[in-house]
Amino acid sequence: MRVLLLADEESKYYWDFFEQSKLEGIDLIVSCGDLAPQFLSFMATFAKCPVLYIHGNHDNCYDDTPPDGCVSIEDTIYEYQGKYIAGLGGSMAYNGGKYQFTDKAMNRRVIKLMLKMKLKRIKHLDLFVAHAPAYKLNDSDDLPHTGFAAFYKILDRVKPSVFAHGHVHINYGRDFKRDSDYNGVRVVNAYEKYIIEI
């Protein structure tokens, strides 16, 4: 399955300079957060596949203007073409925003998600989608961009094939890693756009 990952900055390649042919061969589009709902709605209009999303820390506007034609996978498991995808949006709490969480609060969400997997007898995720990275795994030292230690429960126990996140931008410098590995889990920073196979 060919998956187009998007996060943090609306890709000019797909929006300003759009051509239908650029979406040929894409089986699924997944937003890792902090994208304008209009951009995701635009992608859903032209894509011949589902557009999934989670919330970034700046996505309060989704409450009033949800992305049309898109599917929220927040706190749930989505099955598509035999692949299991789960999402947990938001970032570390730093100024009281709606989509900001302490590590303790994110841990509760992780446990609930894993319980849903158990109840549905799902033992493996093909794609785990988050906005923030995991703690000390592609994150930064400042509080807003610190990752969640809670995510290691999923990475260590569920061992998804791919963990996709955003939140850490390429222009942040040396902290940016596009593609890395954690104990056999492929970790991908989806900033702007990135295509993967799962």
C-alpha atoms as a PDB file:
ATOM      1  CA  MET A   1       0.000   0.000   0.000  1.00  0.00           C
ATOM      2  CA  ARG A   2       1.378   3.404  -1.026  1.00  0.00           C
ATOM      3  CA  VAL A   3       0.664   6.049   1.619  1.00  0.00           C
ATOM      4  CA  LEU A   4       1.082   9.806   1.268  1.00  0.00           C
ATOM      5  CA  LEU A   5       1.903  11.311   4.667  1.00  0.00           C
ATOM      6  CA  LEU A   6       1.294  15.016   5.270  1.00  0.00           C
ATOM      7  CA  ALA A   7       2.012  17.262   8.269  1.00  0.00           C
ATOM      8  CA  ASP A   8       2.619  20.779   9.542  1.00  0.00           C
ATOM      9  CA  GLU A   9       2.901  22.724   6.286  1.00  0.00           C
ATOM     10  CA  GLU A  10       0.540  22.635   3.326  1.00  0.00           C
ATOM     11  CA  SER A  11       2.526  21.182   0.455  1.00  0.00           C
ATOM     12  CA  LYS A  12       2.732  23.613  -2.474  1.00  0.00           C
ATOM     13  CA  TYR A  13       3.487  20.609  -4.675  1.00  0.00           C
ATOM     14  CA  TYR A  14      -0.027  19.293  -4.059  1.00  0.00           C
ATOM     15  CA  TRP A  15      -1.945  22.551  -3.472  1.00  0.00           C
ATOM     16  CA  ASP A  16      -0.438  25.470  -5.407  1.00  0.00           C
ATOM     17  CA  PHE A  17       0.888  23.344  -8.259  1.00  0.00           C
ATOM     18  CA  PHE A  18      -1.689  20.577  -8.208  1.00  0.00           C
ATOM     19  CA  GLU A  19      -2.033  18.099 -11.048  1.00  0.00           C
ATOM     20  CA  GLN A  20      -4.295  15.053 -10.795  1.00  0.00           C
ATOM     21  CA  SER A  21      -1.435  12.828 -11.979  1.00  0.00           C
ATOM     22  CA  LYS A  22       0.494  13.586  -8.766  1.00  0.00           C
ATOM     23  CA  LEU A  23      -1.983  11.423  -6.837  1.00  0.00           C
ATOM     24  CA  GLU A  24      -1.817   8.449  -9.201  1.00  0.00           C
ATOM     25  CA  GLY A  25      -0.742   5.305  -7.384  1.00  0.00           C
ATOM     26  CA  ILE A  26      -1.534   6.734  -3.930  1.00  0.00           C
ATOM     27  CA  ASP A  27      -3.680   4.246  -1.964  1.00  0.00           C
ATOM     28  CA  LEU A  28      -4.153   6.298   1.213  1.00  0.00           C
ATOM     29  CA  ILE A  29      -3.511   9.860   2.440  1.00  0.00           C
ATOM     30  CA  VAL A  30      -2.779  10.442   6.138  1.00  0.00           C
ATOM     31  CA  SER A  31      -2.396  13.793   7.879  1.00  0.00           C
ATOM     32  CA  CYS A  32      -0.235  13.845  11.003  1.00  0.00           C
ATOM     33  CA  GLY A  33      -1.692  17.191  12.074  1.00  0.00           C
ATOM     34  CA  ASP A  34      -1.387  20.985  11.879  1.00  0.00           C
ATOM     35  CA  LEU A  35      -2.759  21.356   8.374  1.00  0.00           C
ATOM     36  CA  ALA A  36      -5.525  23.702   7.227  1.00  0.00           C
ATOM     37  CA  PRO A  37      -8.847  21.873   6.946  1.00  0.00           C
ATOM     38  CA  GLN A  38      -9.276  23.488   3.517  1.00  0.00           C
ATOM     39  CA  PHE A  39      -6.101  21.783   2.307  1.00  0.00           C
ATOM     40  CA  LEU A  40      -7.260  18.365   3.522  1.00  0.00           C
ATOM     41  CA  SER A  41     -10.707  18.940   1.985  1.00  0.00           C
ATOM     42  CA  PHE A  42      -8.990  19.849  -1.291  1.00  0.00           C
ATOM     43  CA  MET A  43      -6.980  16.611  -1.170  1.00  0.00           C
ATOM     44  CA  ALA A  44     -10.123  14.599  -0.418  1.00  0.00           C
ATOM     45  CA  THR A  45     -11.898  16.165  -3.403  1.00  0.00           C
ATOM     46  CA  PHE A  46      -9.290  14.955  -5.887  1.00  0.00           C
ATOM     47  CA  ALA A  47      -7.980  11.782  -4.242  1.00  0.00           C
ATOM     48  CA  LYS A  48      -9.430   8.419  -5.214  1.00  0.00           C
ATOM     49  CA  CYS A  49      -8.669   7.086  -1.738  1.00  0.00           C
ATOM     50  CA  PRO A  50      -9.539   7.920   1.893  1.00  0.00           C
ATOM     51  CA  VAL A  51      -7.937  10.925   3.588  1.00  0.00           C
ATOM     52  CA  LEU A  52      -7.357  10.241   7.295  1.00  0.00           C
ATOM     53  CA  TYR A  53      -6.326  12.770   9.917  1.00  0.00           C
ATOM     54  CA  ILE A  54      -5.482  13.393  13.548  1.00  0.00           C
ATOM     55  CA  HIS A  55      -5.217  16.727  15.375  1.00  0.00           C
ATOM     56  CA  GLY A  56      -2.029  18.706  15.703  1.00  0.00           C
ATOM     57  CA  ASN A  57      -1.532  21.134  18.560  1.00  0.00           C
ATOM     58  CA  HIS A  58      -2.769  24.022  16.353  1.00  0.00           C
ATOM     59  CA  ASP A  59      -5.903  22.319  14.988  1.00  0.00           C
ATOM     60  CA  ASN A  60      -8.566  24.028  17.132  1.00  0.00           C
ATOM     61  CA  CYS A  61     -10.138  25.276  13.892  1.00  0.00           C
ATOM     62  CA  TYR A  62     -11.225  21.684  13.122  1.00  0.00           C
ATOM     63  CA  ASP A  63     -13.884  22.060  15.828  1.00  0.00           C
ATOM     64  CA  ASP A  64     -15.707  24.662  13.727  1.00  0.00           C
ATOM     65  CA  THR A  65     -14.434  23.664  10.279  1.00  0.00           C
ATOM     66  CA  PRO A  66     -13.669  19.945  10.114  1.00  0.00           C
ATOM     67  CA  PRO A  67     -11.984  18.791   6.903  1.00  0.00           C
ATOM     68  CA  ASP A  68     -14.784  17.820   4.505  1.00  0.00           C
ATOM     69  CA  GLY A  69     -14.624  14.320   3.070  1.00  0.00           C
ATOM     70  CA  CYS A  70     -11.926  13.231   5.517  1.00  0.00           C
ATOM     71  CA  VAL A  71     -11.975  10.648   8.329  1.00  0.00           C
ATOM     72  CA  SER A  72     -10.706  11.345  11.840  1.00  0.00           C
ATOM     73  CA  ILE A  73      -8.742   8.417  13.278  1.00  0.00           C
ATOM     74  CA  GLU A  74      -8.275  10.142  16.623  1.00  0.00           C
ATOM     75  CA  ASP A  75      -8.215   7.535  19.444  1.00  0.00           C
ATOM     76  CA  THR A  76      -9.400   4.764  17.157  1.00  0.00           C
ATOM     77  CA  ILE A  77      -8.335   1.974  14.808  1.00  0.00           C
ATOM     78  CA  TYR A  78      -9.150   2.233  11.124  1.00  0.00           C
ATOM     79  CA  GLU A  79      -9.004  -0.738   8.781  1.00  0.00           C
ATOM     80  CA  TYR A  80      -8.337  -0.246   5.089  1.00  0.00           C
ATOM     81  CA  GLN A  81      -7.426  -2.906   2.542  1.00  0.00           C
ATOM     82  CA  GLY A  82      -6.488  -5.296   5.337  1.00  0.00           C
ATOM     83  CA  LYS A  83      -4.176  -2.779   7.041  1.00  0.00           C
ATOM     84  CA  TYR A  84      -4.720  -1.449  10.566  1.00  0.00           C
ATOM     85  CA  ILE A  85      -4.050   2.227  11.257  1.00  0.00           C
ATOM     86  CA  ALA A  86      -4.450   3.994  14.621  1.00  0.00           C
ATOM     87  CA  GLY A  87      -4.078   7.634  15.609  1.00  0.00           C
ATOM     88  CA  LEU A  88      -3.330   9.762  18.659  1.00  0.00           C
ATOM     89  CA  GLY A  89      -3.045  13.483  17.950  1.00  0.00           C
ATOM     90  CA  GLY A  90      -1.825  16.429  19.971  1.00  0.00           C
ATOM     91  CA  SER A  91       1.418  17.554  21.545  1.00  0.00           C
ATOM     92  CA  MET A  92       2.953  17.928  24.968  1.00  0.00           C
ATOM     93  CA  ALA A  93       1.051  20.436  27.144  1.00  0.00           C
ATOM     94  CA  TYR A  94       2.778  23.810  27.152  1.00  0.00           C
ATOM     95  CA  ASN A  95       0.128  26.575  27.139  1.00  0.00           C
ATOM     96  CA  GLY A  96      -3.223  24.927  27.876  1.00  0.00           C
ATOM     97  CA  GLY A  97      -4.335  24.311  24.299  1.00  0.00           C
ATOM     98  CA  LYS A  98      -7.164  21.847  23.638  1.00  0.00           C
ATOM     99  CA  TYR A  99      -4.956  19.383  21.768  1.00  0.00           C
ATOM    100  CA  GLN A 100      -2.120  19.415  24.290  1.00  0.00           C
ATOM    101  CA  PHE A 101      -1.582  16.662  26.859  1.00  0.00           C
ATOM    102  CA  THR A 102       0.652  15.755  29.750  1.00  0.00           C
ATOM    103  CA  ASP A 103       2.495  12.475  29.357  1.00  0.00           C
ATOM    104  CA  LYS A 104       0.164  11.028  32.006  1.00  0.00           C
ATOM    105  CA  ALA A 105      -2.916  12.051  29.999  1.00  0.00           C
ATOM    106  CA  MET A 106      -1.418  10.643  26.802  1.00  0.00           C
ATOM    107  CA  ASN A 107      -0.633   7.417  28.658  1.00  0.00           C
ATOM    108  CA  ARG A 108      -4.354   7.048  29.473  1.00  0.00           C
ATOM    109  CA  ARG A 109      -5.169   7.488  25.773  1.00  0.00           C
ATOM    110  CA  VAL A 110      -2.547   4.904  24.814  1.00  0.00           C
ATOM    111  CA  ILE A 111      -3.980   2.372  27.283  1.00  0.00           C
ATOM    112  CA  LYS A 112      -7.522   2.933  25.939  1.00  0.00           C
ATOM    113  CA  LEU A 113      -6.302   2.490  22.368  1.00  0.00           C
ATOM    114  CA  MET A 114      -4.498  -0.732  23.234  1.00  0.00           C
ATOM    115  CA  LEU A 115      -7.635  -1.981  25.012  1.00  0.00           C
ATOM    116  CA  LYS A 116      -9.646  -1.312  21.838  1.00  0.00           C
ATOM    117  CA  MET A 117      -7.097  -3.360  19.912  1.00  0.00           C
ATOM    118  CA  LYS A 118      -7.430  -6.201  22.397  1.00  0.00           C
ATOM    119  CA  LEU A 119     -11.249  -6.142  22.256  1.00  0.00           C
ATOM    120  CA  LYS A 120     -11.135  -6.247  18.453  1.00  0.00           C
ATOM    121  CA  ARG A 121      -8.461  -8.970  18.576  1.00  0.00           C
ATOM    122  CA  ILE A 122      -6.010  -6.806  16.639  1.00  0.00           C
ATOM    123  CA  LYS A 123      -2.462  -7.784  17.524  1.00  0.00           C
ATOM    124  CA  HIS A 124      -0.516  -5.585  15.111  1.00  0.00           C
ATOM    125  CA  LEU A 125      -0.703  -2.079  13.678  1.00  0.00           C
ATOM    126  CA  ASP A 126       0.577  -1.423  10.186  1.00  0.00           C
ATOM    127  CA  LEU A 127       0.676   2.324  10.825  1.00  0.00           C
ATOM    128  CA  PHE A 128       0.615   4.259  14.095  1.00  0.00           C
ATOM    129  CA  VAL A 129      -0.053   7.954  13.482  1.00  0.00           C
ATOM    130  CA  ALA A 130       0.677  10.732  15.971  1.00  0.00           C
ATOM    131  CA  HIS A 131       1.372  14.438  15.767  1.00  0.00           C
ATOM    132  CA  ALA A 132       4.178  14.476  18.316  1.00  0.00           C
ATOM    133  CA  PRO A 133       7.146  12.114  18.245  1.00  0.00           C
ATOM    134  CA  ALA A 134       8.105   9.775  21.069  1.00  0.00           C
ATOM    135  CA  TYR A 135      10.298  11.068  23.901  1.00  0.00           C
ATOM    136  CA  LYS A 136      13.959  11.268  22.826  1.00  0.00           C
ATOM    137  CA  LEU A 137      13.028   9.764  19.452  1.00  0.00           C
ATOM    138  CA  ASN A 138      13.172  12.590  16.903  1.00  0.00           C
ATOM    139  CA  ASP A 139      11.855  15.135  19.409  1.00  0.00           C
ATOM    140  CA  SER A 140      13.462  18.397  20.577  1.00  0.00           C
ATOM    141  CA  ASP A 141      14.617  19.713  23.941  1.00  0.00           C
ATOM    142  CA  ASP A 142      12.027  22.498  24.295  1.00  0.00           C
ATOM    143  CA  LEU A 143       8.792  21.605  26.107  1.00  0.00           C
ATOM    144  CA  PRO A 144       6.389  22.178  23.161  1.00  0.00           C
ATOM    145  CA  HIS A 145       8.394  19.752  20.997  1.00  0.00           C
ATOM    146  CA  THR A 146       9.194  17.150  23.642  1.00  0.00           C
ATOM    147  CA  GLY A 147       7.812  13.764  22.631  1.00  0.00           C
ATOM    148  CA  PHE A 148       5.651  11.398  24.661  1.00  0.00           C
ATOM    149  CA  ALA A 149       7.233   8.596  26.684  1.00  0.00           C
ATOM    150  CA  ALA A 150       3.763   6.995  26.683  1.00  0.00           C
ATOM    151  CA  PHE A 151       4.195   6.091  23.004  1.00  0.00           C
ATOM    152  CA  TYR A 152       6.793   3.461  23.929  1.00  0.00           C
ATOM    153  CA  LYS A 153       3.978   1.222  25.167  1.00  0.00           C
ATOM    154  CA  ILE A 154       2.778   1.034  21.561  1.00  0.00           C
ATOM    155  CA  LEU A 155       6.243   0.896  19.995  1.00  0.00           C
ATOM    156  CA  ASP A 156       7.497  -1.832  22.354  1.00  0.00           C
ATOM    157  CA  ARG A 157       4.375  -3.966  22.789  1.00  0.00           C
ATOM    158  CA  VAL A 158       2.448  -3.535  19.548  1.00  0.00           C
ATOM    159  CA  LYS A 159       5.482  -2.981  17.302  1.00  0.00           C
ATOM    160  CA  PRO A 160       3.747  -1.163  14.447  1.00  0.00           C
ATOM    161  CA  SER A 161       5.395  -1.483  11.057  1.00  0.00           C
ATOM    162  CA  VAL A 162       5.562   2.316  10.782  1.00  0.00           C
ATOM    163  CA  PHE A 163       5.247   5.123  13.333  1.00  0.00           C
ATOM    164  CA  ALA A 164       4.493   8.384  11.497  1.00  0.00           C
ATOM    165  CA  HIS A 165       4.537  11.758  13.256  1.00  0.00           C
ATOM    166  CA  GLY A 166       4.955  15.438  12.480  1.00  0.00           C
ATOM    167  CA  HIS A 167       5.473  18.440  14.793  1.00  0.00           C
ATOM    168  CA  VAL A 168       9.276  18.665  14.373  1.00  0.00           C
ATOM    169  CA  HIS A 169       9.840  20.798  11.280  1.00  0.00           C
ATOM    170  CA  ILE A 170      12.716  20.497   8.836  1.00  0.00           C
ATOM    171  CA  ASN A 171      13.753  24.112   9.457  1.00  0.00           C
ATOM    172  CA  TYR A 172      14.415  23.321  13.129  1.00  0.00           C
ATOM    173  CA  GLY A 173      17.873  22.178  12.046  1.00  0.00           C
ATOM    174  CA  ARG A 174      19.910  19.314  13.448  1.00  0.00           C
ATOM    175  CA  ASP A 175      16.979  17.764  15.350  1.00  0.00           C
ATOM    176  CA  PHE A 176      15.176  16.853  12.132  1.00  0.00           C
ATOM    177  CA  LYS A 177      15.268  13.201  11.089  1.00  0.00           C
ATOM    178  CA  ARG A 178      13.061  12.118   8.194  1.00  0.00           C
ATOM    179  CA  ASP A 179      13.405   8.349   8.452  1.00  0.00           C
ATOM    180  CA  SER A 180      14.862   6.272  11.267  1.00  0.00           C
ATOM    181  CA  ASP A 181      14.452   2.957  13.081  1.00  0.00           C
ATOM    182  CA  TYR A 182      13.453   2.036  16.615  1.00  0.00           C
ATOM    183  CA  ASN A 183      13.869  -1.676  17.379  1.00  0.00           C
ATOM    184  CA  GLY A 184      12.486  -2.682  14.006  1.00  0.00           C
ATOM    185  CA  VAL A 185       9.765   0.006  13.893  1.00  0.00           C
ATOM    186  CA  ARG A 186      10.242   2.438  11.032  1.00  0.00           C
ATOM    187  CA  VAL A 187       9.886   6.000  12.376  1.00  0.00           C
ATOM    188  CA  VAL A 188       8.958   8.664   9.820  1.00  0.00           C
ATOM    189  CA  ASN A 189       8.678  12.415  10.241  1.00  0.00           C
ATOM    190  CA  ALA A 190       5.881  13.356   7.827  1.00  0.00           C
ATOM    191  CA  TYR A 191       6.716  17.082   7.697  1.00  0.00           C
ATOM    192  CA  GLU A 192       5.108  18.631   4.591  1.00  0.00           C
ATOM    193  CA  LYS A 193       4.907  15.454   2.445  1.00  0.00           C
ATOM    194  CA  TYR A 194       6.445  12.013   2.336  1.00  0.00           C
ATOM    195  CA  ILE A 195       5.419   8.797   0.579  1.00  0.00           C
ATOM    196  CA  ILE A 196       5.895   5.404   2.235  1.00  0.00           C
ATOM    197  CA  GLU A 197       4.952   1.820   1.476  1.00  0.00           C
ATOM    198  CA  ILE A 198       3.287  -0.352   4.114  1.00  0.00           C
END
